[in-house]
Amino acid sequence: MDNIPPKLRDFVLFCAQRRSPEWPAIYDEMTRVAGRKLFQGLGYTELKQLGLSFSLSNVDRTIRLVKDVTSQNHQ
């Protein structure tokens, strides 16, 4: 997860600032923001192209992504 696209990182940070960065609150906020395209017009399709899946089958990867991004921001 060292190569997180900057736009994806910024999306996660945007969502974390709007709501708690804790799981599952951040997941709820990310889906809300993506559904309304509130961050730079990014929706589900665009985020998937950047490597973010909201699929429950990929939830472990999404949790790791969120933890990596939010922990890097607090260093």
PDB file of N, CA and C in Angstrom:
ATOM      1  N   MET A   1       0.815  -1.207   0.000  1.00  0.00           N
ATOM      2  CA  MET A   1       0.000   0.000   0.000  1.00  0.00           C
ATOM      3  C   MET A   1       0.856   1.268   0.000  1.00  0.00           C
ATOM      4  N   ASP A   2       2.144   1.093  -0.311  1.00  0.00           N
ATOM      5  CA  ASP A   2       3.031   2.250  -0.343  1.00  0.00           C
ATOM      6  C   ASP A   2       2.730   3.175  -1.507  1.00  0.00           C
ATOM      7  N   ASN A   3       2.114   2.650  -2.542  1.00  0.00           N
ATOM      8  CA  ASN A   3       1.865   3.434  -3.747  1.00  0.00           C
ATOM      9  C   ASN A   3       0.403   3.852  -3.853  1.00  0.00           C
ATOM     10  N   ILE A   4      -0.104   4.465  -2.824  1.00  0.00           N
ATOM     11  CA  ILE A   4      -1.488   4.940  -2.834  1.00  0.00           C
ATOM     12  C   ILE A   4      -1.554   6.195  -3.699  1.00  0.00           C
ATOM     13  N   PRO A   5      -2.419   6.182  -4.704  1.00  0.00           N
ATOM     14  CA  PRO A   5      -2.544   7.385  -5.536  1.00  0.00           C
ATOM     15  C   PRO A   5      -2.908   8.602  -4.681  1.00  0.00           C
ATOM     16  N   PRO A   6      -2.259   9.735  -4.915  1.00  0.00           N
ATOM     17  CA  PRO A   6      -2.531  10.936  -4.110  1.00  0.00           C
ATOM     18  C   PRO A   6      -4.006  11.320  -4.060  1.00  0.00           C
ATOM     19  N   LYS A   7      -4.712  11.186  -5.168  1.00  0.00           N
ATOM     20  CA  LYS A   7      -6.127  11.551  -5.194  1.00  0.00           C
ATOM     21  C   LYS A   7      -6.941  10.636  -4.283  1.00  0.00           C
ATOM     22  N   LEU A   8      -6.578   9.355  -4.239  1.00  0.00           N
ATOM     23  CA  LEU A   8      -7.257   8.401  -3.359  1.00  0.00           C
ATOM     24  C   LEU A   8      -6.933   8.705  -1.906  1.00  0.00           C
ATOM     25  N   ARG A   9      -5.673   8.996  -1.622  1.00  0.00           N
ATOM     26  CA  ARG A   9      -5.269   9.377  -0.266  1.00  0.00           C
ATOM     27  C   ARG A   9      -6.048  10.603   0.196  1.00  0.00           C
ATOM     28  N   ASP A  10      -6.134  11.603  -0.674  1.00  0.00           N
ATOM     29  CA  ASP A  10      -6.846  12.831  -0.321  1.00  0.00           C
ATOM     30  C   ASP A  10      -8.340  12.572  -0.104  1.00  0.00           C
ATOM     31  N   PHE A  11      -8.915  11.657  -0.873  1.00  0.00           N
ATOM     32  CA  PHE A  11     -10.317  11.283  -0.682  1.00  0.00           C
ATOM     33  C   PHE A  11     -10.527  10.704   0.716  1.00  0.00           C
ATOM     34  N   VAL A  12      -9.668   9.769   1.106  1.00  0.00           N
ATOM     35  CA  VAL A  12      -9.795   9.147   2.435  1.00  0.00           C
ATOM     36  C   VAL A  12      -9.629  10.191   3.531  1.00  0.00           C
ATOM     37  N   LEU A  13      -8.651  11.063   3.385  1.00  0.00           N
ATOM     38  CA  LEU A  13      -8.434  12.110   4.390  1.00  0.00           C
ATOM     39  C   LEU A  13      -9.610  13.079   4.461  1.00  0.00           C
ATOM     40  N   PHE A  14     -10.172  13.420   3.327  1.00  0.00           N
ATOM     41  CA  PHE A  14     -11.356  14.283   3.269  1.00  0.00           C
ATOM     42  C   PHE A  14     -12.492  13.650   4.073  1.00  0.00           C
ATOM     43  N   CYS A  15     -12.709  12.366   3.856  1.00  0.00           N
ATOM     44  CA  CYS A  15     -13.785  11.652   4.564  1.00  0.00           C
ATOM     45  C   CYS A  15     -13.483  11.552   6.059  1.00  0.00           C
ATOM     46  N   ALA A  16     -12.220  11.322   6.398  1.00  0.00           N
ATOM     47  CA  ALA A  16     -11.824  11.204   7.806  1.00  0.00           C
ATOM     48  C   ALA A  16     -12.026  12.529   8.536  1.00  0.00           C
ATOM     49  N   GLN A  17     -11.825  13.639   7.845  1.00  0.00           N
ATOM     50  CA  GLN A  17     -12.017  14.945   8.463  1.00  0.00           C
ATOM     51  C   GLN A  17     -13.498  15.276   8.642  1.00  0.00           C
ATOM     52  N   ARG A  18     -14.321  14.762   7.753  1.00  0.00           N
ATOM     53  CA  ARG A  18     -15.768  15.014   7.833  1.00  0.00           C
ATOM     54  C   ARG A  18     -16.419  14.199   8.943  1.00  0.00           C
ATOM     55  N   ARG A  19     -15.826  13.058   9.240  1.00  0.00           N
ATOM     56  CA  ARG A  19     -16.374  12.134  10.217  1.00  0.00           C
ATOM     57  C   ARG A  19     -15.218  11.381  10.846  1.00  0.00           C
ATOM     58  N   SER A  20     -15.458  10.615  11.841  1.00  0.00           N
ATOM     59  CA  SER A  20     -14.418   9.850  12.526  1.00  0.00           C
ATOM     60  C   SER A  20     -13.641   8.964  11.553  1.00  0.00           C
ATOM     61  N   PRO A  21     -12.309   8.881  11.716  1.00  0.00           N
ATOM     62  CA  PRO A  21     -11.529   7.975  10.884  1.00  0.00           C
ATOM     63  C   PRO A  21     -11.639   6.517  11.334  1.00  0.00           C
ATOM     64  N   GLU A  22     -12.455   6.262  12.337  1.00  0.00           N
ATOM     65  CA  GLU A  22     -12.622   4.902  12.862  1.00  0.00           C
ATOM     66  C   GLU A  22     -13.592   4.106  12.004  1.00  0.00           C
ATOM     67  N   TRP A  23     -13.311   2.834  11.903  1.00  0.00           N
ATOM     68  CA  TRP A  23     -14.169   1.904  11.171  1.00  0.00           C
ATOM     69  C   TRP A  23     -15.361   1.549  12.036  1.00  0.00           C
ATOM     70  N   PRO A  24     -16.572   1.468  11.638  1.00  0.00           N
ATOM     71  CA  PRO A  24     -17.107   1.592  10.292  1.00  0.00           C
ATOM     72  C   PRO A  24     -17.597   2.988   9.935  1.00  0.00           C
ATOM     73  N   ALA A  25     -17.442   3.963  10.832  1.00  0.00           N
ATOM     74  CA  ALA A  25     -17.935   5.314  10.545  1.00  0.00           C
ATOM     75  C   ALA A  25     -17.301   5.880   9.270  1.00  0.00           C
ATOM     76  N   ILE A  26     -16.018   5.643   9.084  1.00  0.00           N
ATOM     77  CA  ILE A  26     -15.356   6.172   7.885  1.00  0.00           C
ATOM     78  C   ILE A  26     -15.888   5.499   6.620  1.00  0.00           C
ATOM     79  N   TYR A  27     -16.195   4.221   6.718  1.00  0.00           N
ATOM     80  CA  TYR A  27     -16.753   3.514   5.556  1.00  0.00           C
ATOM     81  C   TYR A  27     -18.087   4.144   5.161  1.00  0.00           C
ATOM     82  N   ASP A  28     -18.922   4.407   6.146  1.00  0.00           N
ATOM     83  CA  ASP A  28     -20.213   5.052   5.876  1.00  0.00           C
ATOM     84  C   ASP A  28     -20.015   6.409   5.215  1.00  0.00           C
ATOM     85  N   GLU A  29     -19.052   7.161   5.719  1.00  0.00           N
ATOM     86  CA  GLU A  29     -18.798   8.497   5.153  1.00  0.00           C
ATOM     87  C   GLU A  29     -18.224   8.394   3.739  1.00  0.00           C
ATOM     88  N   MET A  30     -17.332   7.455   3.510  1.00  0.00           N
ATOM     89  CA  MET A  30     -16.755   7.291   2.175  1.00  0.00           C
ATOM     90  C   MET A  30     -17.833   6.918   1.159  1.00  0.00           C
ATOM     91  N   THR A  31     -18.744   6.037   1.537  1.00  0.00           N
ATOM     92  CA  THR A  31     -19.805   5.672   0.597  1.00  0.00           C
ATOM     93  C   THR A  31     -20.749   6.848   0.358  1.00  0.00           C
ATOM     94  N   ARG A  32     -20.999   7.630   1.393  1.00  0.00           N
ATOM     95  CA  ARG A  32     -21.861   8.817   1.255  1.00  0.00           C
ATOM     96  C   ARG A  32     -21.210   9.835   0.315  1.00  0.00           C
ATOM     97  N   VAL A  33     -19.936  10.106   0.541  1.00  0.00           N
ATOM     98  CA  VAL A  33     -19.212  11.078  -0.277  1.00  0.00           C
ATOM     99  C   VAL A  33     -19.114  10.588  -1.728  1.00  0.00           C
ATOM    100  N   ALA A  34     -18.806   9.316  -1.917  1.00  0.00           N
ATOM    101  CA  ALA A  34     -18.705   8.764  -3.273  1.00  0.00           C
ATOM    102  C   ALA A  34     -20.059   8.787  -3.976  1.00  0.00           C
ATOM    103  N   GLY A  35     -21.104   8.437  -3.258  1.00  0.00           N
ATOM    104  CA  GLY A  35     -22.437   8.413  -3.854  1.00  0.00           C
ATOM    105  C   GLY A  35     -22.903   9.778  -4.317  1.00  0.00           C
ATOM    106  N   ARG A  36     -22.450  10.799  -3.641  1.00  0.00           N
ATOM    107  CA  ARG A  36     -22.843  12.175  -4.000  1.00  0.00           C
ATOM    108  C   ARG A  36     -21.746  12.908  -4.769  1.00  0.00           C
ATOM    109  N   LYS A  37     -20.627  12.230  -4.975  1.00  0.00           N
ATOM    110  CA  LYS A  37     -19.471  12.798  -5.684  1.00  0.00           C
ATOM    111  C   LYS A  37     -19.056  14.137  -5.076  1.00  0.00           C
ATOM    112  N   LEU A  38     -18.935  14.150  -3.763  1.00  0.00           N
ATOM    113  CA  LEU A  38     -18.637  15.378  -3.033  1.00  0.00           C
ATOM    114  C   LEU A  38     -17.163  15.748  -3.020  1.00  0.00           C
ATOM    115  N   PHE A  39     -16.294  14.819  -3.378  1.00  0.00           N
ATOM    116  CA  PHE A  39     -14.863  15.118  -3.394  1.00  0.00           C
ATOM    117  C   PHE A  39     -14.355  15.067  -4.833  1.00  0.00           C
ATOM    118  N   GLN A  40     -14.095  16.228  -5.379  1.00  0.00           N
ATOM    119  CA  GLN A  40     -13.544  16.374  -6.729  1.00  0.00           C
ATOM    120  C   GLN A  40     -14.322  15.583  -7.779  1.00  0.00           C
ATOM    121  N   GLY A  41     -15.606  15.396  -7.557  1.00  0.00           N
ATOM    122  CA  GLY A  41     -16.446  14.702  -8.522  1.00  0.00           C
ATOM    123  C   GLY A  41     -16.210  13.202  -8.603  1.00  0.00           C
ATOM    124  N   LEU A  42     -15.485  12.635  -7.628  1.00  0.00           N
ATOM    125  CA  LEU A  42     -15.188  11.202  -7.643  1.00  0.00           C
ATOM    126  C   LEU A  42     -16.373  10.397  -7.136  1.00  0.00           C
ATOM    127  N   GLY A  43     -16.809   9.456  -7.945  1.00  0.00           N
ATOM    128  CA  GLY A  43     -17.868   8.534  -7.558  1.00  0.00           C
ATOM    129  C   GLY A  43     -17.302   7.132  -7.433  1.00  0.00           C
ATOM    130  N   TYR A  44     -18.182   6.165  -7.317  1.00  0.00           N
ATOM    131  CA  TYR A  44     -17.754   4.772  -7.139  1.00  0.00           C
ATOM    132  C   TYR A  44     -16.850   4.293  -8.263  1.00  0.00           C
ATOM    133  N   THR A  45     -17.208   4.600  -9.490  1.00  0.00           N
ATOM    134  CA  THR A  45     -16.435   4.128 -10.648  1.00  0.00           C
ATOM    135  C   THR A  45     -15.029   4.712 -10.646  1.00  0.00           C
ATOM    136  N   GLU A  46     -14.925   6.007 -10.429  1.00  0.00           N
ATOM    137  CA  GLU A  46     -13.628   6.666 -10.423  1.00  0.00           C
ATOM    138  C   GLU A  46     -12.751   6.166  -9.273  1.00  0.00           C
ATOM    139  N   LEU A  47     -13.356   5.959  -8.118  1.00  0.00           N
ATOM    140  CA  LEU A  47     -12.597   5.461  -6.969  1.00  0.00           C
ATOM    141  C   LEU A  47     -12.136   4.024  -7.185  1.00  0.00           C
ATOM    142  N   LYS A  48     -12.962   3.230  -7.821  1.00  0.00           N
ATOM    143  CA  LYS A  48     -12.558   1.858  -8.127  1.00  0.00           C
ATOM    144  C   LYS A  48     -11.363   1.862  -9.074  1.00  0.00           C
ATOM    145  N   GLN A  49     -11.355   2.761 -10.032  1.00  0.00           N
ATOM    146  CA  GLN A  49     -10.225   2.873 -10.954  1.00  0.00           C
ATOM    147  C   GLN A  49      -8.943   3.279 -10.226  1.00  0.00           C
ATOM    148  N   LEU A  50      -9.094   4.007  -9.117  1.00  0.00           N
ATOM    149  CA  LEU A  50      -7.936   4.400  -8.305  1.00  0.00           C
ATOM    150  C   LEU A  50      -7.512   3.306  -7.322  1.00  0.00           C
ATOM    151  N   GLY A  51      -8.349   2.276  -7.174  1.00  0.00           N
ATOM    152  CA  GLY A  51      -7.983   1.156  -6.306  1.00  0.00           C
ATOM    153  C   GLY A  51      -8.805   1.008  -5.046  1.00  0.00           C
ATOM    154  N   LEU A  52      -9.899   1.745  -4.929  1.00  0.00           N
ATOM    155  CA  LEU A  52     -10.761   1.641  -3.745  1.00  0.00           C
ATOM    156  C   LEU A  52     -12.029   0.878  -4.093  1.00  0.00           C
ATOM    157  N   SER A  53     -12.244  -0.204  -3.393  1.00  0.00           N
ATOM    158  CA  SER A  53     -13.450  -1.003  -3.600  1.00  0.00           C
ATOM    159  C   SER A  53     -14.322  -0.905  -2.360  1.00  0.00           C
ATOM    160  N   PHE A  54     -15.612  -0.742  -2.586  1.00  0.00           N
ATOM    161  CA  PHE A  54     -16.564  -0.737  -1.479  1.00  0.00           C
ATOM    162  C   PHE A  54     -17.204  -2.106  -1.304  1.00  0.00           C
ATOM    163  N   SER A  55     -16.751  -3.075  -2.075  1.00  0.00           N
ATOM    164  CA  SER A  55     -17.275  -4.435  -2.024  1.00  0.00           C
ATOM    165  C   SER A  55     -16.923  -5.094  -0.686  1.00  0.00           C
ATOM    166  N   LEU A  56     -17.887  -5.807  -0.125  1.00  0.00           N
ATOM    167  CA  LEU A  56     -17.624  -6.500   1.134  1.00  0.00           C
ATOM    168  C   LEU A  56     -16.563  -7.579   0.985  1.00  0.00           C
ATOM    169  N   SER A  57     -16.411  -8.117  -0.222  1.00  0.00           N
ATOM    170  CA  SER A  57     -15.381  -9.134  -0.433  1.00  0.00           C
ATOM    171  C   SER A  57     -13.972  -8.533  -0.377  1.00  0.00           C
ATOM    172  N   ASN A  58     -13.860  -7.224  -0.491  1.00  0.00           N
ATOM    173  CA  ASN A  58     -12.564  -6.536  -0.414  1.00  0.00           C
ATOM    174  C   ASN A  58     -12.443  -5.660   0.824  1.00  0.00           C
ATOM    175  N   VAL A  59     -13.300  -5.859   1.794  1.00  0.00           N
ATOM    176  CA  VAL A  59     -13.344  -4.965   2.949  1.00  0.00           C
ATOM    177  C   VAL A  59     -12.023  -4.963   3.727  1.00  0.00           C
ATOM    178  N   ASP A  60     -11.331  -6.095   3.811  1.00  0.00           N
ATOM    179  CA  ASP A  60     -10.055  -6.125   4.531  1.00  0.00           C
ATOM    180  C   ASP A  60      -9.030  -5.205   3.875  1.00  0.00           C
ATOM    181  N   ARG A  61      -9.000  -5.220   2.558  1.00  0.00           N
ATOM    182  CA  ARG A  61      -8.070  -4.351   1.826  1.00  0.00           C
ATOM    183  C   ARG A  61      -8.446  -2.877   2.035  1.00  0.00           C
ATOM    184  N   THR A  62      -9.727  -2.586   2.029  1.00  0.00           N
ATOM    185  CA  THR A  62     -10.189  -1.210   2.235  1.00  0.00           C
ATOM    186  C   THR A  62      -9.848  -0.729   3.640  1.00  0.00           C
ATOM    187  N   ILE A  63     -10.008  -1.589   4.627  1.00  0.00           N
ATOM    188  CA  ILE A  63      -9.652  -1.232   6.008  1.00  0.00           C
ATOM    189  C   ILE A  63      -8.160  -0.921   6.101  1.00  0.00           C
ATOM    190  N   ARG A  64      -7.325  -1.753   5.474  1.00  0.00           N
ATOM    191  CA  ARG A  64      -5.872  -1.508   5.486  1.00  0.00           C
ATOM    192  C   ARG A  64      -5.537  -0.183   4.808  1.00  0.00           C
ATOM    193  N   LEU A  65      -6.196   0.090   3.697  1.00  0.00           N
ATOM    194  CA  LEU A  65      -5.972   1.345   2.990  1.00  0.00           C
ATOM    195  C   LEU A  65      -6.281   2.534   3.894  1.00  0.00           C
ATOM    196  N   VAL A  66      -7.429   2.504   4.533  1.00  0.00           N
ATOM    197  CA  VAL A  66      -7.838   3.600   5.423  1.00  0.00           C
ATOM    198  C   VAL A  66      -6.845   3.746   6.575  1.00  0.00           C
ATOM    199  N   LYS A  67      -6.442   2.641   7.175  1.00  0.00           N
ATOM    200  CA  LYS A  67      -5.477   2.704   8.279  1.00  0.00           C
ATOM    201  C   LYS A  67      -4.138   3.248   7.815  1.00  0.00           C
ATOM    202  N   ASP A  68      -3.682   2.805   6.647  1.00  0.00           N
ATOM    203  CA  ASP A  68      -2.410   3.309   6.121  1.00  0.00           C
ATOM    204  C   ASP A  68      -2.463   4.808   5.886  1.00  0.00           C
ATOM    205  N   VAL A  69      -3.520   5.267   5.260  1.00  0.00           N
ATOM    206  CA  VAL A  69      -3.651   6.689   4.937  1.00  0.00           C
ATOM    207  C   VAL A  69      -3.782   7.524   6.202  1.00  0.00           C
ATOM    208  N   THR A  70      -4.639   7.120   7.116  1.00  0.00           N
ATOM    209  CA  THR A  70      -4.861   7.941   8.311  1.00  0.00           C
ATOM    210  C   THR A  70      -3.672   7.884   9.259  1.00  0.00           C
ATOM    211  N   SER A  71      -2.945   6.789   9.310  1.00  0.00           N
ATOM    212  CA  SER A  71      -1.778   6.719  10.182  1.00  0.00           C
ATOM    213  C   SER A  71      -0.634   7.538   9.613  1.00  0.00           C
ATOM    214  N   GLN A  72      -0.482   7.588   8.291  1.00  0.00           N
ATOM    215  CA  GLN A  72       0.547   8.414   7.653  1.00  0.00           C
ATOM    216  C   GLN A  72       0.268   9.889   7.922  1.00  0.00           C
ATOM    217  N   ASN A  73      -0.994  10.233   7.949  1.00  0.00           N
ATOM    218  CA  ASN A  73      -1.375  11.629   8.171  1.00  0.00           C
ATOM    219  C   ASN A  73      -1.070  12.076   9.595  1.00  0.00           C
ATOM    220  N   HIS A  74      -1.022  11.152  10.535  1.00  0.00           N
ATOM    221  CA  HIS A  74      -0.791  11.511  11.942  1.00  0.00           C
ATOM    222  C   HIS A  74       0.663  11.383  12.359  1.00  0.00           C
ATOM    223  N   GLN A  75       1.567  11.082  11.420  1.00  0.00           N
ATOM    224  CA  GLN A  75       2.981  10.954  11.780  1.00  0.00           C
ATOM    225  C   GLN A  75       3.668  12.284  11.762  1.00  0.00           C
TER     226      GLN A  75
END
